[in-house]
Amino acid sequence: MPDSPLAPPDLPAGEHGAEQPEEGYRGPARLTVAGAEHPVEVDLRGHFQPIDGKYHWYGRIAADSGLAELLRGKRAKGALRTPYGESEGELADPDLWHRYRITGTGRPPFPVDEEQGGAAPQSRAGGAGDGPG
């Protein structure tokens, strides 16, 4: 049965029934977790949350038998590296299709539009005299 109701959704970006995410990344990455590095495929996105002043990024890691064997369905902390950067995140329990969810705050491992408040704040050199006076 090719169209099983238990098959994970296979929709191109932007066809999820909602607007295209402001920022994101879909493609290869390297996940370092429990002292081991794994090549993985990820689908990531994120947004700036004005309530806490942080950028929240999140997504799914494609099913990977090596990762599943290592974590055995448990939560873990790890580092995710894409061609655009590396960020610390937390892996949550896998879904029915053995895809782990990963979440993080701060600068994400993909480019963001700084004009939309997407990037983590940059520290600035300066003193108390900076800003309106």
C-alpha atoms as a PDB file:
ATOM      1  CA  MET A   1       0.000   0.000   0.000  1.00  0.00           C
ATOM      2  CA  PRO A   2       1.983   3.054  -1.187  1.00  0.00           C
ATOM      3  CA  ASP A   3      -0.161   5.751   0.420  1.00  0.00           C
ATOM      4  CA  SER A   4      -0.232   4.418   3.956  1.00  0.00           C
ATOM      5  CA  PRO A   5      -1.945   6.699   6.509  1.00  0.00           C
ATOM      6  CA  LEU A   6       1.027   6.023   8.777  1.00  0.00           C
ATOM      7  CA  ALA A   7       3.576   7.352   6.280  1.00  0.00           C
ATOM      8  CA  PRO A   8       5.200  10.653   7.284  1.00  0.00           C
ATOM      9  CA  PRO A   9       4.054  13.692   5.355  1.00  0.00           C
ATOM     10  CA  ASP A  10       6.153  14.326   2.255  1.00  0.00           C
ATOM     11  CA  LEU A  11       5.240  17.879   1.368  1.00  0.00           C
ATOM     12  CA  PRO A  12       7.527  20.382  -0.321  1.00  0.00           C
ATOM     13  CA  ALA A  13       8.390  23.497   1.682  1.00  0.00           C
ATOM     14  CA  GLY A  14       5.539  25.979   1.685  1.00  0.00           C
ATOM     15  CA  GLU A  15       2.761  23.410   1.197  1.00  0.00           C
ATOM     16  CA  HIS A  16       2.099  22.657   4.863  1.00  0.00           C
ATOM     17  CA  GLY A  17      -1.228  24.458   4.932  1.00  0.00           C
ATOM     18  CA  ALA A  18       0.384  27.576   6.386  1.00  0.00           C
ATOM     19  CA  GLU A  19       2.592  30.392   5.224  1.00  0.00           C
ATOM     20  CA  GLN A  20       6.205  29.681   4.286  1.00  0.00           C
ATOM     21  CA  PRO A  21       8.359  30.044   7.414  1.00  0.00           C
ATOM     22  CA  GLU A  22      10.341  33.261   7.712  1.00  0.00           C
ATOM     23  CA  GLU A  23      13.629  31.416   7.982  1.00  0.00           C
ATOM     24  CA  GLY A  24      14.717  27.853   7.674  1.00  0.00           C
ATOM     25  CA  TYR A  25      16.991  25.203   6.293  1.00  0.00           C
ATOM     26  CA  ARG A  26      16.379  21.824   4.706  1.00  0.00           C
ATOM     27  CA  GLY A  27      19.313  19.595   3.867  1.00  0.00           C
ATOM     28  CA  PRO A  28      22.370  17.780   5.198  1.00  0.00           C
ATOM     29  CA  ALA A  29      23.784  18.416   8.657  1.00  0.00           C
ATOM     30  CA  ARG A  30      26.066  16.794  11.224  1.00  0.00           C
ATOM     31  CA  LEU A  31      24.703  16.012  14.664  1.00  0.00           C
ATOM     32  CA  THR A  32      27.071  15.491  17.586  1.00  0.00           C
ATOM     33  CA  VAL A  33      25.285  13.714  20.412  1.00  0.00           C
ATOM     34  CA  ALA A  34      26.442  11.349  23.179  1.00  0.00           C
ATOM     35  CA  GLY A  35      30.049  11.781  22.044  1.00  0.00           C
ATOM     36  CA  ALA A  36      29.404  10.635  18.466  1.00  0.00           C
ATOM     37  CA  GLU A  37      28.927  12.539  15.220  1.00  0.00           C
ATOM     38  CA  HIS A  38      26.222  11.502  12.750  1.00  0.00           C
ATOM     39  CA  PRO A  39      25.481  12.759   9.247  1.00  0.00           C
ATOM     40  CA  VAL A  40      21.751  13.554   9.178  1.00  0.00           C
ATOM     41  CA  GLU A  41      19.106  15.250   7.034  1.00  0.00           C
ATOM     42  CA  VAL A  42      17.159  18.030   8.714  1.00  0.00           C
ATOM     43  CA  ASP A  43      14.182  20.296   8.116  1.00  0.00           C
ATOM     44  CA  LEU A  44      14.541  23.391  10.340  1.00  0.00           C
ATOM     45  CA  ARG A  45      12.778  26.706  10.828  1.00  0.00           C
ATOM     46  CA  GLY A  46      12.468  29.334  13.508  1.00  0.00           C
ATOM     47  CA  HIS A  47      11.164  32.684  14.640  1.00  0.00           C
ATOM     48  CA  PHE A  48      12.019  35.544  16.958  1.00  0.00           C
ATOM     49  CA  GLN A  49       9.882  35.485  20.108  1.00  0.00           C
ATOM     50  CA  PRO A  50       9.422  39.051  21.379  1.00  0.00           C
ATOM     51  CA  ILE A  51       8.061  37.866  24.727  1.00  0.00           C
ATOM     52  CA  ASP A  52      11.415  36.445  25.852  1.00  0.00           C
ATOM     53  CA  GLY A  53      13.597  38.323  23.353  1.00  0.00           C
ATOM     54  CA  LYS A  54      15.118  35.129  21.927  1.00  0.00           C
ATOM     55  CA  TYR A  55      15.202  33.392  18.584  1.00  0.00           C
ATOM     56  CA  HIS A  56      13.602  29.933  18.815  1.00  0.00           C
ATOM     57  CA  TRP A  57      14.557  27.364  16.180  1.00  0.00           C
ATOM     58  CA  TYR A  58      13.184  23.864  15.784  1.00  0.00           C
ATOM     59  CA  GLY A  59      12.706  21.055  13.319  1.00  0.00           C
ATOM     60  CA  ARG A  60      12.948  17.362  12.571  1.00  0.00           C
ATOM     61  CA  ILE A  61      15.869  15.058  11.934  1.00  0.00           C
ATOM     62  CA  ALA A  62      15.104  12.420   9.304  1.00  0.00           C
ATOM     63  CA  ALA A  63      14.917   8.835  10.536  1.00  0.00           C
ATOM     64  CA  ASP A  64      18.427   7.443  11.053  1.00  0.00           C
ATOM     65  CA  SER A  65      19.047   3.908  12.302  1.00  0.00           C
ATOM     66  CA  GLY A  66      22.407   4.776  13.909  1.00  0.00           C
ATOM     67  CA  LEU A  67      20.893   7.674  15.842  1.00  0.00           C
ATOM     68  CA  ALA A  68      17.894   5.566  16.870  1.00  0.00           C
ATOM     69  CA  GLU A  69      20.181   2.812  18.157  1.00  0.00           C
ATOM     70  CA  LEU A  70      22.347   5.287  20.080  1.00  0.00           C
ATOM     71  CA  LEU A  71      19.505   7.200  21.762  1.00  0.00           C
ATOM     72  CA  ARG A  72      16.945   4.389  22.037  1.00  0.00           C
ATOM     73  CA  GLY A  73      14.030   6.810  22.070  1.00  0.00           C
ATOM     74  CA  LYS A  74      15.392   9.027  24.853  1.00  0.00           C
ATOM     75  CA  ARG A  75      15.922  12.772  25.015  1.00  0.00           C
ATOM     76  CA  ALA A  76      19.429  14.143  24.574  1.00  0.00           C
ATOM     77  CA  LYS A  77      21.392  17.359  24.133  1.00  0.00           C
ATOM     78  CA  GLY A  78      23.582  17.809  21.102  1.00  0.00           C
ATOM     79  CA  ALA A  79      25.181  20.161  18.608  1.00  0.00           C
ATOM     80  CA  LEU A  80      23.817  20.519  15.088  1.00  0.00           C
ATOM     81  CA  ARG A  81      26.108  21.792  12.334  1.00  0.00           C
ATOM     82  CA  THR A  82      24.972  22.851   8.861  1.00  0.00           C
ATOM     83  CA  PRO A  83      26.979  24.607   6.141  1.00  0.00           C
ATOM     84  CA  TYR A  84      25.842  27.882   7.791  1.00  0.00           C
ATOM     85  CA  GLY A  85      26.806  27.340  11.405  1.00  0.00           C
ATOM     86  CA  GLU A  86      26.549  25.242  14.534  1.00  0.00           C
ATOM     87  CA  SER A  87      24.111  25.482  17.456  1.00  0.00           C
ATOM     88  CA  GLU A  88      23.340  23.566  20.618  1.00  0.00           C
ATOM     89  CA  GLY A  89      19.918  21.978  20.798  1.00  0.00           C
ATOM     90  CA  GLU A  90      17.822  19.381  22.559  1.00  0.00           C
ATOM     91  CA  LEU A  91      16.461  16.265  20.914  1.00  0.00           C
ATOM     92  CA  ALA A  92      13.027  15.157  22.046  1.00  0.00           C
ATOM     93  CA  ASP A  93      11.387  11.763  21.828  1.00  0.00           C
ATOM     94  CA  PRO A  94      11.077  10.450  18.262  1.00  0.00           C
ATOM     95  CA  ASP A  95       7.735  10.495  16.441  1.00  0.00           C
ATOM     96  CA  LEU A  96       6.023   7.444  14.905  1.00  0.00           C
ATOM     97  CA  TRP A  97       8.365   7.654  11.896  1.00  0.00           C
ATOM     98  CA  HIS A  98      11.525   7.638  14.081  1.00  0.00           C
ATOM     99  CA  ARG A  99      12.279  11.297  13.374  1.00  0.00           C
ATOM    100  CA  TYR A 100      13.691  13.161  16.357  1.00  0.00           C
ATOM    101  CA  ARG A 101      12.513  16.706  17.033  1.00  0.00           C
ATOM    102  CA  ILE A 102      15.288  19.203  17.781  1.00  0.00           C
ATOM    103  CA  THR A 103      14.834  22.616  19.411  1.00  0.00           C
ATOM    104  CA  GLY A 104      17.132  25.411  20.444  1.00  0.00           C
ATOM    105  CA  THR A 105      17.277  29.093  21.333  1.00  0.00           C
ATOM    106  CA  GLY A 106      19.710  31.764  20.234  1.00  0.00           C
ATOM    107  CA  ARG A 107      21.569  31.865  16.941  1.00  0.00           C
ATOM    108  CA  PRO A 108      20.300  28.977  14.764  1.00  0.00           C
ATOM    109  CA  PRO A 109      22.431  26.773  12.517  1.00  0.00           C
ATOM    110  CA  PHE A 110      21.018  28.477   9.409  1.00  0.00           C
ATOM    111  CA  PRO A 111      20.954  32.039   8.058  1.00  0.00           C
ATOM    112  CA  VAL A 112      18.271  34.424   9.300  1.00  0.00           C
ATOM    113  CA  ASP A 113      17.009  37.802   8.169  1.00  0.00           C
ATOM    114  CA  GLU A 114      18.378  40.198  10.794  1.00  0.00           C
ATOM    115  CA  GLU A 115      15.984  42.969   9.705  1.00  0.00           C
ATOM    116  CA  GLN A 116      13.041  40.865  10.886  1.00  0.00           C
ATOM    117  CA  GLY A 117      14.614  40.363  14.291  1.00  0.00           C
ATOM    118  CA  GLY A 118      15.662  36.843  13.396  1.00  0.00           C
ATOM    119  CA  ALA A 119      19.245  36.901  14.551  1.00  0.00           C
ATOM    120  CA  ALA A 120      20.347  36.632  18.112  1.00  0.00           C
ATOM    121  CA  PRO A 121      21.353  40.031  19.437  1.00  0.00           C
ATOM    122  CA  GLN A 122      24.918  41.051  18.689  1.00  0.00           C
ATOM    123  CA  SER A 123      26.954  42.497  21.537  1.00  0.00           C
ATOM    124  CA  ARG A 124      28.044  46.058  20.896  1.00  0.00           C
ATOM    125  CA  ALA A 125      31.030  47.901  22.166  1.00  0.00           C
ATOM    126  CA  GLY A 126      30.062  51.115  23.806  1.00  0.00           C
ATOM    127  CA  GLY A 127      29.304  52.823  27.023  1.00  0.00           C
ATOM    128  CA  ALA A 128      26.393  54.275  28.895  1.00  0.00           C
ATOM    129  CA  GLY A 129      26.313  57.231  26.512  1.00  0.00           C
ATOM    130  CA  ASP A 130      25.069  55.083  23.602  1.00  0.00           C
ATOM    131  CA  GLY A 131      21.509  55.601  22.480  1.00  0.00           C
ATOM    132  CA  PRO A 132      19.111  58.510  22.767  1.00  0.00           C
ATOM    133  CA  GLY A 133      20.040  60.927  25.364  1.00  0.00           C
END
